[in-house]
PDB file of N, CA and C in Angstrom:
ATOM      1  N   UNK A   1       1.867  13.845  -5.419  1.00  0.00           N
ATOM      2  CA  UNK A   1       3.684  13.213  -6.205  1.00  0.00           C
ATOM      3  C   UNK A   1       1.963  12.417  -6.690  1.00  0.00           C
ATOM      4  N   UNK A   2       2.743  12.303  -8.302  1.00  0.00           N
ATOM      5  CA  UNK A   2       2.549  11.201  -9.432  1.00  0.00           C
ATOM      6  C   UNK A   2       3.879   9.832  -9.496  1.00  0.00           C
ATOM      7  N   UNK A   3       3.416   8.602  -9.883  1.00  0.00           N
ATOM      8  CA  UNK A   3       4.360   7.878  -9.941  1.00  0.00           C
ATOM      9  C   UNK A   3       5.712   8.125 -11.019  1.00  0.00           C
ATOM     10  N   UNK A   4       6.135   9.747 -11.721  1.00  0.00           N
ATOM     11  CA  UNK A   4       7.059   9.363 -12.318  1.00  0.00           C
ATOM     12  C   UNK A   4       8.295  10.206 -11.497  1.00  0.00           C
ATOM     13  N   UNK A   5       7.127  11.054 -10.554  1.00  0.00           N
ATOM     14  CA  UNK A   5       8.479  11.574  -9.556  1.00  0.00           C
ATOM     15  C   UNK A   5       7.988  10.627  -8.331  1.00  0.00           C
ATOM     16  N   UNK A   6       7.956   9.221  -8.016  1.00  0.00           N
ATOM     17  CA  UNK A   6       7.800   8.815  -7.037  1.00  0.00           C
ATOM     18  C   UNK A   6       9.156   7.996  -7.604  1.00  0.00           C
ATOM     19  N   UNK A   7       9.427   7.501  -9.173  1.00  0.00           N
ATOM     20  CA  UNK A   7      10.942   6.986  -9.516  1.00  0.00           C
ATOM     21  C   UNK A   7      11.571   8.120  -9.559  1.00  0.00           C
ATOM     22  N   UNK A   8      12.041   8.788 -10.043  1.00  0.00           N
ATOM     23  CA  UNK A   8      12.869  10.312 -10.083  1.00  0.00           C
ATOM     24  C   UNK A   8      13.313  10.328  -8.363  1.00  0.00           C
ATOM     25  N   UNK A   9      12.623  10.778  -7.241  1.00  0.00           N
ATOM     26  CA  UNK A   9      13.064  11.141  -6.438  1.00  0.00           C
ATOM     27  C   UNK A   9      13.734   8.755  -5.749  1.00  0.00           C
ATOM     28  N   UNK A  10      12.601   7.515  -5.723  1.00  0.00           N
ATOM     29  CA  UNK A  10      13.591   6.986  -5.612  1.00  0.00           C
ATOM     30  C   UNK A  10      15.292   6.626  -6.036  1.00  0.00           C
ATOM     31  N   UNK A  11      14.897   7.117  -7.178  1.00  0.00           N
ATOM     32  CA  UNK A  11      16.167   6.915  -8.481  1.00  0.00           C
ATOM     33  C   UNK A  11      17.267   7.868  -7.972  1.00  0.00           C
ATOM     34  N   UNK A  12      17.500   8.945  -6.736  1.00  0.00           N
ATOM     35  CA  UNK A  12      18.192   9.768  -5.954  1.00  0.00           C
ATOM     36  C   UNK A  12      18.458   9.101  -5.013  1.00  0.00           C
ATOM     37  N   UNK A  13      17.833   8.418  -4.793  1.00  0.00           N
ATOM     38  CA  UNK A  13      17.895   8.094  -2.842  1.00  0.00           C
ATOM     39  C   UNK A  13      18.575   6.683  -2.774  1.00  0.00           C
ATOM     40  N   UNK A  14      18.626   5.505  -3.755  1.00  0.00           N
ATOM     41  CA  UNK A  14      19.848   4.751  -4.513  1.00  0.00           C
ATOM     42  C   UNK A  14      20.716   4.799  -4.301  1.00  0.00           C
ATOM     43  N   UNK A  15      21.480   6.430  -4.119  1.00  0.00           N
ATOM     44  CA  UNK A  15      22.643   6.425  -4.150  1.00  0.00           C
ATOM     45  C   UNK A  15      23.404   6.688  -2.948  1.00  0.00           C
ATOM     46  N   UNK A  16      22.350   6.864  -2.323  1.00  0.00           N
ATOM     47  CA  UNK A  16      22.568   6.953  -0.734  1.00  0.00           C
ATOM     48  C   UNK A  16      23.293   5.406  -0.121  1.00  0.00           C
ATOM     49  N   UNK A  17      22.274   4.560  -0.776  1.00  0.00           N
ATOM     50  CA  UNK A  17      22.118   3.225   0.158  1.00  0.00           C
ATOM     51  C   UNK A  17      22.679   2.560  -0.484  1.00  0.00           C
ATOM     52  N   UNK A  18      23.296   2.885  -1.623  1.00  0.00           N
ATOM     53  CA  UNK A  18      24.142   1.226  -2.178  1.00  0.00           C
ATOM     54  C   UNK A  18      25.344   2.072  -3.318  1.00  0.00           C
ATOM     55  N   UNK A  19      25.953   1.593  -3.701  1.00  0.00           N
ATOM     56  CA  UNK A  19      27.271   2.252  -4.160  1.00  0.00           C
ATOM     57  C   UNK A  19      26.949   2.918  -6.213  1.00  0.00           C
ATOM     58  N   UNK A  20      26.056   1.596  -6.728  1.00  0.00           N
ATOM     59  CA  UNK A  20      25.799   2.083  -8.245  1.00  0.00           C
ATOM     60  C   UNK A  20      24.401   2.760  -8.504  1.00  0.00           C
ATOM     61  N   UNK A  21      24.428   2.884  -9.749  1.00  0.00           N
ATOM     62  CA  UNK A  21      23.161   4.016  -9.704  1.00  0.00           C
ATOM     63  C   UNK A  21      22.212   3.057 -10.668  1.00  0.00           C
ATOM     64  N   UNK A  22      20.713   3.266 -10.653  1.00  0.00           N
ATOM     65  CA  UNK A  22      19.691   2.468 -11.475  1.00  0.00           C
ATOM     66  C   UNK A  22      19.332   3.280 -11.892  1.00  0.00           C
ATOM     67  N   UNK A  23      18.974   2.159 -12.873  1.00  0.00           N
ATOM     68  CA  UNK A  23      18.298   3.367 -14.312  1.00  0.00           C
ATOM     69  C   UNK A  23      16.534   3.712 -14.178  1.00  0.00           C
ATOM     70  N   UNK A  24      16.389   4.818 -14.478  1.00  0.00           N
ATOM     71  CA  UNK A  24      14.466   4.875 -14.316  1.00  0.00           C
ATOM     72  C   UNK A  24      13.790   4.158 -14.862  1.00  0.00           C
ATOM     73  N   UNK A  25      13.775   3.551 -15.657  1.00  0.00           N
ATOM     74  CA  UNK A  25      13.192   2.447 -16.179  1.00  0.00           C
ATOM     75  C   UNK A  25      13.528   1.048 -14.909  1.00  0.00           C
ATOM     76  N   UNK A  26      15.456   1.042 -14.708  1.00  0.00           N
ATOM     77  CA  UNK A  26      14.906  -0.078 -13.583  1.00  0.00           C
ATOM     78  C   UNK A  26      13.839   0.167 -12.636  1.00  0.00           C
ATOM     79  N   UNK A  27      13.910   1.326 -12.311  1.00  0.00           N
ATOM     80  CA  UNK A  27      13.161   1.362 -10.721  1.00  0.00           C
ATOM     81  C   UNK A  27      11.851   1.173 -11.305  1.00  0.00           C
ATOM     82  N   UNK A  28      11.307   2.132 -12.243  1.00  0.00           N
ATOM     83  CA  UNK A  28      10.332   1.568 -12.874  1.00  0.00           C
ATOM     84  C   UNK A  28       9.454   0.873 -13.096  1.00  0.00           C
ATOM     85  N   UNK A  29      10.582  -0.909 -13.174  1.00  0.00           N
ATOM     86  CA  UNK A  29      10.451  -1.851 -13.215  1.00  0.00           C
ATOM     87  C   UNK A  29      10.166  -2.757 -11.960  1.00  0.00           C
ATOM     88  N   UNK A  30      10.991  -2.453 -11.286  1.00  0.00           N
ATOM     89  CA  UNK A  30      10.745  -2.450  -9.517  1.00  0.00           C
ATOM     90  C   UNK A  30       9.517  -2.441  -8.623  1.00  0.00           C
ATOM     91  N   UNK A  31       9.227  -1.120  -9.057  1.00  0.00           N
ATOM     92  CA  UNK A  31       7.845  -1.068  -8.771  1.00  0.00           C
ATOM     93  C   UNK A  31       6.598  -1.305  -9.337  1.00  0.00           C
ATOM     94  N   UNK A  32       6.820  -1.918 -10.135  1.00  0.00           N
ATOM     95  CA  UNK A  32       5.848  -2.446 -11.073  1.00  0.00           C
ATOM     96  C   UNK A  32       5.590  -3.587 -10.365  1.00  0.00           C
ATOM     97  N   UNK A  33       6.981  -4.449 -10.367  1.00  0.00           N
ATOM     98  CA  UNK A  33       6.823  -5.765  -9.857  1.00  0.00           C
ATOM     99  C   UNK A  33       6.658  -5.716  -8.294  1.00  0.00           C
ATOM    100  N   UNK A  34       6.400  -4.805  -7.736  1.00  0.00           N
ATOM    101  CA  UNK A  34       6.128  -4.633  -6.087  1.00  0.00           C
ATOM    102  C   UNK A  34       4.755  -5.164  -5.744  1.00  0.00           C
ATOM    103  N   UNK A  35       4.335  -3.777  -7.054  1.00  0.00           N
ATOM    104  CA  UNK A  35       3.095  -4.019  -7.098  1.00  0.00           C
ATOM    105  C   UNK A  35       2.078  -5.259  -7.797  1.00  0.00           C
ATOM    106  N   UNK A  36       2.795  -6.142  -8.522  1.00  0.00           N
ATOM    107  CA  UNK A  36       2.429  -7.276  -8.582  1.00  0.00           C
ATOM    108  C   UNK A  36       2.308  -8.749  -7.939  1.00  0.00           C
ATOM    109  N   UNK A  37       3.448  -8.329  -6.452  1.00  0.00           N
ATOM    110  CA  UNK A  37       4.397  -9.260  -5.319  1.00  0.00           C
ATOM    111  C   UNK A  37       2.889  -8.694  -4.768  1.00  0.00           C
ATOM    112  N   UNK A  38       2.902  -7.068  -4.228  1.00  0.00           N
ATOM    113  CA  UNK A  38       2.020  -7.610  -3.178  1.00  0.00           C
ATOM    114  C   UNK A  38       0.935  -7.981  -3.133  1.00  0.00           C
ATOM    115  N   UNK A  39      -0.184  -7.369  -4.815  1.00  0.00           N
ATOM    116  CA  UNK A  39      -1.389  -8.263  -4.791  1.00  0.00           C
ATOM    117  C   UNK A  39      -1.677  -9.474  -5.065  1.00  0.00           C
ATOM    118  N   UNK A  40      -1.100 -10.032  -5.150  1.00  0.00           N
ATOM    119  CA  UNK A  40      -0.817 -11.481  -4.968  1.00  0.00           C
ATOM    120  C   UNK A  40      -0.876 -11.694  -3.621  1.00  0.00           C
ATOM    121  N   UNK A  41       0.055 -11.228  -3.098  1.00  0.00           N
ATOM    122  CA  UNK A  41       0.821 -11.578  -1.278  1.00  0.00           C
ATOM    123  C   UNK A  41      -1.155 -11.654  -0.242  1.00  0.00           C
ATOM    124  N   UNK A  42      -1.338 -10.075  -0.662  1.00  0.00           N
ATOM    125  CA  UNK A  42      -2.645  -9.882  -0.235  1.00  0.00           C
ATOM    126  C   UNK A  42      -4.015 -10.947  -0.597  1.00  0.00           C
ATOM    127  N   UNK A  43      -3.949 -11.443  -2.283  1.00  0.00           N
ATOM    128  CA  UNK A  43      -4.784 -11.917  -2.345  1.00  0.00           C
ATOM    129  C   UNK A  43      -4.605 -13.382  -1.308  1.00  0.00           C
ATOM    130  N   UNK A  44      -4.145 -13.437  -1.301  1.00  0.00           N
ATOM    131  CA  UNK A  44      -3.784 -15.298   0.080  1.00  0.00           C
ATOM    132  C   UNK A  44      -3.655 -14.877   0.867  1.00  0.00           C
ATOM    133  N   UNK A  45      -4.494 -13.491   1.338  1.00  0.00           N
ATOM    134  CA  UNK A  45      -4.850 -13.091   3.264  1.00  0.00           C
ATOM    135  C   UNK A  45      -3.527 -12.988   3.576  1.00  0.00           C
ATOM    136  N   UNK A  46      -2.495 -13.002   2.841  1.00  0.00           N
ATOM    137  CA  UNK A  46      -1.134 -12.646   3.737  1.00  0.00           C
ATOM    138  C   UNK A  46      -0.581 -10.560   3.978  1.00  0.00           C
ATOM    139  N   UNK A  47       0.178 -10.581   4.174  1.00  0.00           N
ATOM    140  CA  UNK A  47       1.192  -9.373   4.537  1.00  0.00           C
ATOM    141  C   UNK A  47       1.867  -8.757   3.647  1.00  0.00           C
ATOM    142  N   UNK A  48       2.909  -7.790   3.854  1.00  0.00           N
ATOM    143  CA  UNK A  48       3.125  -6.956   3.130  1.00  0.00           C
ATOM    144  C   UNK A  48       4.167  -6.314   3.744  1.00  0.00           C
ATOM    145  N   UNK A  49       4.709  -5.746   4.414  1.00  0.00           N
ATOM    146  CA  UNK A  49       5.791  -5.637   4.589  1.00  0.00           C
ATOM    147  C   UNK A  49       6.764  -4.324   4.108  1.00  0.00           C
ATOM    148  N   UNK A  50       7.137  -3.154   4.163  1.00  0.00           N
ATOM    149  CA  UNK A  50       7.141  -1.646   4.316  1.00  0.00           C
ATOM    150  C   UNK A  50       8.429  -1.176   4.872  1.00  0.00           C
ATOM    151  N   UNK A  51       9.570  -2.324   4.869  1.00  0.00           N
ATOM    152  CA  UNK A  51      10.350  -1.463   5.809  1.00  0.00           C
ATOM    153  C   UNK A  51      10.498  -0.353   6.246  1.00  0.00           C
ATOM    154  N   UNK A  52      10.402   0.041   7.164  1.00  0.00           N
ATOM    155  CA  UNK A  52      10.832   1.960   7.929  1.00  0.00           C
ATOM    156  C   UNK A  52       8.878   2.235   8.012  1.00  0.00           C
ATOM    157  N   UNK A  53       8.202   2.082   6.803  1.00  0.00           N
ATOM    158  CA  UNK A  53       7.179   2.864   6.503  1.00  0.00           C
ATOM    159  C   UNK A  53       5.213   1.601   7.166  1.00  0.00           C
ATOM    160  N   UNK A  54       5.843   0.443   7.274  1.00  0.00           N
ATOM    161  CA  UNK A  54       4.715  -0.339   8.315  1.00  0.00           C
ATOM    162  C   UNK A  54       4.231  -1.661   7.034  1.00  0.00           C
ATOM    163  N   UNK A  55       2.934  -1.852   7.537  1.00  0.00           N
ATOM    164  CA  UNK A  55       2.712  -3.119   7.140  1.00  0.00           C
ATOM    165  C   UNK A  55       1.311  -3.208   6.058  1.00  0.00           C
ATOM    166  N   UNK A  56       1.139  -3.570   5.339  1.00  0.00           N
ATOM    167  CA  UNK A  56      -0.704  -3.783   4.694  1.00  0.00           C
ATOM    168  C   UNK A  56      -0.811  -5.047   4.719  1.00  0.00           C
ATOM    169  N   UNK A  57      -2.488  -5.286   5.238  1.00  0.00           N
ATOM    170  CA  UNK A  57      -2.751  -6.460   5.791  1.00  0.00           C
ATOM    171  C   UNK A  57      -3.995  -6.555   4.837  1.00  0.00           C
ATOM    172  N   UNK A  58      -4.873  -7.952   4.618  1.00  0.00           N
ATOM    173  CA  UNK A  58      -5.826  -8.159   3.919  1.00  0.00           C
ATOM    174  C   UNK A  58      -6.855  -8.826   5.117  1.00  0.00           C
ATOM    175  N   UNK A  59      -7.644  -7.645   5.294  1.00  0.00           N
ATOM    176  CA  UNK A  59      -8.812  -8.469   6.295  1.00  0.00           C
ATOM    177  C   UNK A  59      -9.699  -7.904   5.470  1.00  0.00           C
ATOM    178  N   UNK A  60     -11.009  -9.768   6.433  1.00  0.00           N
ATOM    179  CA  UNK A  60     -11.957  -9.798   5.985  1.00  0.00           C
ATOM    180  C   UNK A  60     -13.135  -8.522   6.485  1.00  0.00           C
ATOM    181  N   UNK A  61     -14.210  -8.025   5.428  1.00  0.00           N
ATOM    182  CA  UNK A  61     -15.441  -7.385   5.692  1.00  0.00           C
ATOM    183  C   UNK A  61     -16.199  -8.488   5.968  1.00  0.00           C
ATOM    184  N   UNK A  62     -17.208  -8.723   7.320  1.00  0.00           N
ATOM    185  CA  UNK A  62     -18.471  -8.995   7.144  1.00  0.00           C
ATOM    186  C   UNK A  62     -19.441  -8.391   6.189  1.00  0.00           C
ATOM    187  N   UNK A  63     -20.528  -9.397   6.155  1.00  0.00           N
ATOM    188  CA  UNK A  63     -21.814  -8.835   5.644  1.00  0.00           C
ATOM    189  C   UNK A  63     -22.468  -8.318   6.801  1.00  0.00           C
ATOM    190  N   UNK A  64     -23.036  -7.046   6.037  1.00  0.00           N
ATOM    191  CA  UNK A  64     -23.839  -6.072   7.212  1.00  0.00           C
ATOM    192  C   UNK A  64     -24.964  -5.761   6.387  1.00  0.00           C
ATOM    193  N   UNK A  65     -26.131  -5.013   6.782  1.00  0.00           N
ATOM    194  CA  UNK A  65     -27.030  -4.281   6.977  1.00  0.00           C
ATOM    195  C   UNK A  65     -26.087  -2.570   6.788  1.00  0.00           C
ATOM    196  N   UNK A  66     -26.834  -1.608   5.293  1.00  0.00           N
ATOM    197  CA  UNK A  66     -26.078  -0.584   6.093  1.00  0.00           C
ATOM    198  C   UNK A  66     -27.716   0.367   5.126  1.00  0.00           C
ATOM    199  N   UNK A  67     -27.305   1.344   4.684  1.00  0.00           N
ATOM    200  CA  UNK A  67     -28.531   2.574   4.412  1.00  0.00           C
ATOM    201  C   UNK A  67     -28.306   3.449   3.617  1.00  0.00           C
ATOM    202  N   UNK A  68     -28.731   3.588   2.250  1.00  0.00           N
ATOM    203  CA  UNK A  68     -28.467   4.648   0.945  1.00  0.00           C
ATOM    204  C   UNK A  68     -28.773   5.425   2.162  1.00  0.00           C
ATOM    205  N   UNK A  69     -28.105   6.646   1.765  1.00  0.00           N
ATOM    206  CA  UNK A  69     -28.564   7.843   2.196  1.00  0.00           C
ATOM    207  C   UNK A  69     -28.683   8.689   1.658  1.00  0.00           C
ATOM    208  N   UNK A  70     -29.095   8.296   0.694  1.00  0.00           N
ATOM    209  CA  UNK A  70     -30.483   9.377  -0.167  1.00  0.00           C
ATOM    210  C   UNK A  70     -31.534   9.011  -0.063  1.00  0.00           C
ATOM    211  N   UNK A  71     -32.368   7.720   0.316  1.00  0.00           N
ATOM    212  CA  UNK A  71     -33.023   7.136   0.686  1.00  0.00           C
ATOM    213  C   UNK A  71     -33.862   6.535   1.417  1.00  0.00           C
ATOM    214  N   UNK A  72     -32.661   6.194   2.923  1.00  0.00           N
ATOM    215  CA  UNK A  72     -32.270   5.882   3.860  1.00  0.00           C
ATOM    216  C   UNK A  72     -32.905   4.800   3.648  1.00  0.00           C
ATOM    217  N   UNK A  73     -33.638   3.706   2.638  1.00  0.00           N
ATOM    218  CA  UNK A  73     -33.877   2.497   2.861  1.00  0.00           C
ATOM    219  C   UNK A  73     -32.255   1.738   3.659  1.00  0.00           C
ATOM    220  N   UNK A  74     -32.422   0.461   3.893  1.00  0.00           N
ATOM    221  CA  UNK A  74     -32.341  -0.219   4.345  1.00  0.00           C
ATOM    222  C   UNK A  74     -31.285  -1.414   3.262  1.00  0.00           C
ATOM    223  N   UNK A  75     -30.201  -1.134   2.467  1.00  0.00           N
ATOM    224  CA  UNK A  75     -29.265  -2.402   1.390  1.00  0.00           C
ATOM    225  C   UNK A  75     -28.741  -3.319   2.936  1.00  0.00           C
ATOM    226  N   UNK A  76     -28.318  -4.939   1.826  1.00  0.00           N
ATOM    227  CA  UNK A  76     -27.352  -5.414   2.603  1.00  0.00           C
ATOM    228  C   UNK A  76     -25.855  -4.727   1.495  1.00  0.00           C
ATOM    229  N   UNK A  77     -24.868  -5.346   2.213  1.00  0.00           N
ATOM    230  CA  UNK A  77     -23.864  -5.329   2.090  1.00  0.00           C
ATOM    231  C   UNK A  77     -23.126  -6.556   2.125  1.00  0.00           C
ATOM    232  N   UNK A  78     -23.050  -6.793   1.150  1.00  0.00           N
ATOM    233  CA  UNK A  78     -22.025  -8.237   1.142  1.00  0.00           C
ATOM    234  C   UNK A  78     -20.578  -8.768   1.944  1.00  0.00           C
ATOM    235  N   UNK A  79     -20.473  -9.740   2.393  1.00  0.00           N
ATOM    236  CA  UNK A  79     -19.116  -9.489   2.913  1.00  0.00           C
ATOM    237  C   UNK A  79     -17.997  -9.333   1.564  1.00  0.00           C
ATOM    238  N   UNK A  80     -16.910  -9.205   2.301  1.00  0.00           N
ATOM    239  CA  UNK A  80     -15.929  -8.666   1.121  1.00  0.00           C
ATOM    240  C   UNK A  80     -14.028  -9.046   2.188  1.00  0.00           C
ATOM    241  N   UNK A  81     -13.458  -8.720   0.563  1.00  0.00           N
ATOM    242  CA  UNK A  81     -12.225  -9.117   1.650  1.00  0.00           C
ATOM    243  C   UNK A  81     -11.740  -7.017   1.272  1.00  0.00           C
ATOM    244  N   UNK A  82     -10.813  -6.767   1.970  1.00  0.00           N
ATOM    245  CA  UNK A  82     -10.409  -5.794   2.064  1.00  0.00           C
ATOM    246  C   UNK A  82      -8.793  -5.288   2.381  1.00  0.00           C
ATOM    247  N   UNK A  83      -8.356  -4.094   1.934  1.00  0.00           N
ATOM    248  CA  UNK A  83      -6.605  -4.517   2.840  1.00  0.00           C
ATOM    249  C   UNK A  83      -6.573  -3.056   3.767  1.00  0.00           C
ATOM    250  N   UNK A  84      -5.953  -2.999   5.049  1.00  0.00           N
ATOM    251  CA  UNK A  84      -5.347  -2.068   5.473  1.00  0.00           C
ATOM    252  C   UNK A  84      -3.798  -1.857   5.636  1.00  0.00           C
ATOM    253  N   UNK A  85      -3.817  -0.273   6.338  1.00  0.00           N
ATOM    254  CA  UNK A  85      -2.109  -0.311   6.011  1.00  0.00           C
ATOM    255  C   UNK A  85      -1.624   0.068   7.551  1.00  0.00           C
ATOM    256  N   UNK A  86      -1.391  -0.548   8.039  1.00  0.00           N
ATOM    257  CA  UNK A  86      -0.677  -0.212  10.166  1.00  0.00           C
ATOM    258  C   UNK A  86       0.663  -0.047   9.825  1.00  0.00           C
ATOM    259  N   UNK A  87       0.231   2.157  10.115  1.00  0.00           N
ATOM    260  CA  UNK A  87       1.844   2.486  10.138  1.00  0.00           C
ATOM    261  C   UNK A  87       2.753   2.102  11.109  1.00  0.00           C
ATOM    262  N   UNK A  88       4.409   1.811  10.968  1.00  0.00           N
ATOM    263  CA  UNK A  88       5.188   1.509  12.054  1.00  0.00           C
ATOM    264  C   UNK A  88       4.963   2.953  12.802  1.00  0.00           C
ATOM    265  N   UNK A  89       6.229   2.118  13.744  1.00  0.00           N
ATOM    266  CA  UNK A  89       5.947   3.244  15.189  1.00  0.00           C
ATOM    267  C   UNK A  89       6.771   4.717  14.312  1.00  0.00           C
ATOM    268  N   UNK A  90       7.627   4.685  13.900  1.00  0.00           N
ATOM    269  CA  UNK A  90       8.832   5.550  13.384  1.00  0.00           C
ATOM    270  C   UNK A  90       8.242   6.447  12.230  1.00  0.00           C
ATOM    271  N   UNK A  91       7.369   5.779  11.163  1.00  0.00           N
ATOM    272  CA  UNK A  91       6.298   6.839  11.004  1.00  0.00           C
ATOM    273  C   UNK A  91       5.740   7.527  11.818  1.00  0.00           C
ATOM    274  N   UNK A  92       4.860   7.235  11.974  1.00  0.00           N
ATOM    275  CA  UNK A  92       4.301   8.090  13.414  1.00  0.00           C
ATOM    276  C   UNK A  92       5.201   8.920  13.840  1.00  0.00           C
ATOM    277  N   UNK A  93       5.903   8.190  14.319  1.00  0.00           N
ATOM    278  CA  UNK A  93       6.677   9.189  15.141  1.00  0.00           C
ATOM    279  C   UNK A  93       6.970  10.526  14.705  1.00  0.00           C
ATOM    280  N   UNK A  94       7.726   9.937  13.314  1.00  0.00           N
ATOM    281  CA  UNK A  94       8.338  11.101  11.987  1.00  0.00           C
ATOM    282  C   UNK A  94       6.810  12.460  12.219  1.00  0.00           C
ATOM    283  N   UNK A  95       5.984  11.434  12.031  1.00  0.00           N
ATOM    284  CA  UNK A  95       4.639  12.571  11.273  1.00  0.00           C
ATOM    285  C   UNK A  95       3.823  13.470  12.646  1.00  0.00           C
ATOM    286  N   UNK A  96       3.988  12.677  13.425  1.00  0.00           N
ATOM    287  CA  UNK A  96       3.828  13.389  14.420  1.00  0.00           C
ATOM    288  C   UNK A  96       4.655  14.486  15.285  1.00  0.00           C
ATOM    289  N   UNK A  97       6.171  15.127  14.955  1.00  0.00           N
ATOM    290  CA  UNK A  97       6.826  15.728  15.316  1.00  0.00           C
ATOM    291  C   UNK A  97       6.117  17.259  16.010  1.00  0.00           C
TER     292      UNK A  97
END
């Protein structure tokens, strides 16, 4: 699914939950805003909930040693922040039917 298809599906589904219809431009603006808000919240080591889907969490990864798979040489991998996704129970149940 690409961004345009996502916008089309969200626009079509809004009518099921709300009496007014949103334009594709409005849905696109909401998705863009969500991305910006999520990035900001995760940058502050927060969590971003997605009702019915799960949540994104910022995690810190410790520095460690790794190996270059081509040469076998040991390399130092620096500490860094990353994002994980924890799926909600109803999403896991839906996928595992």
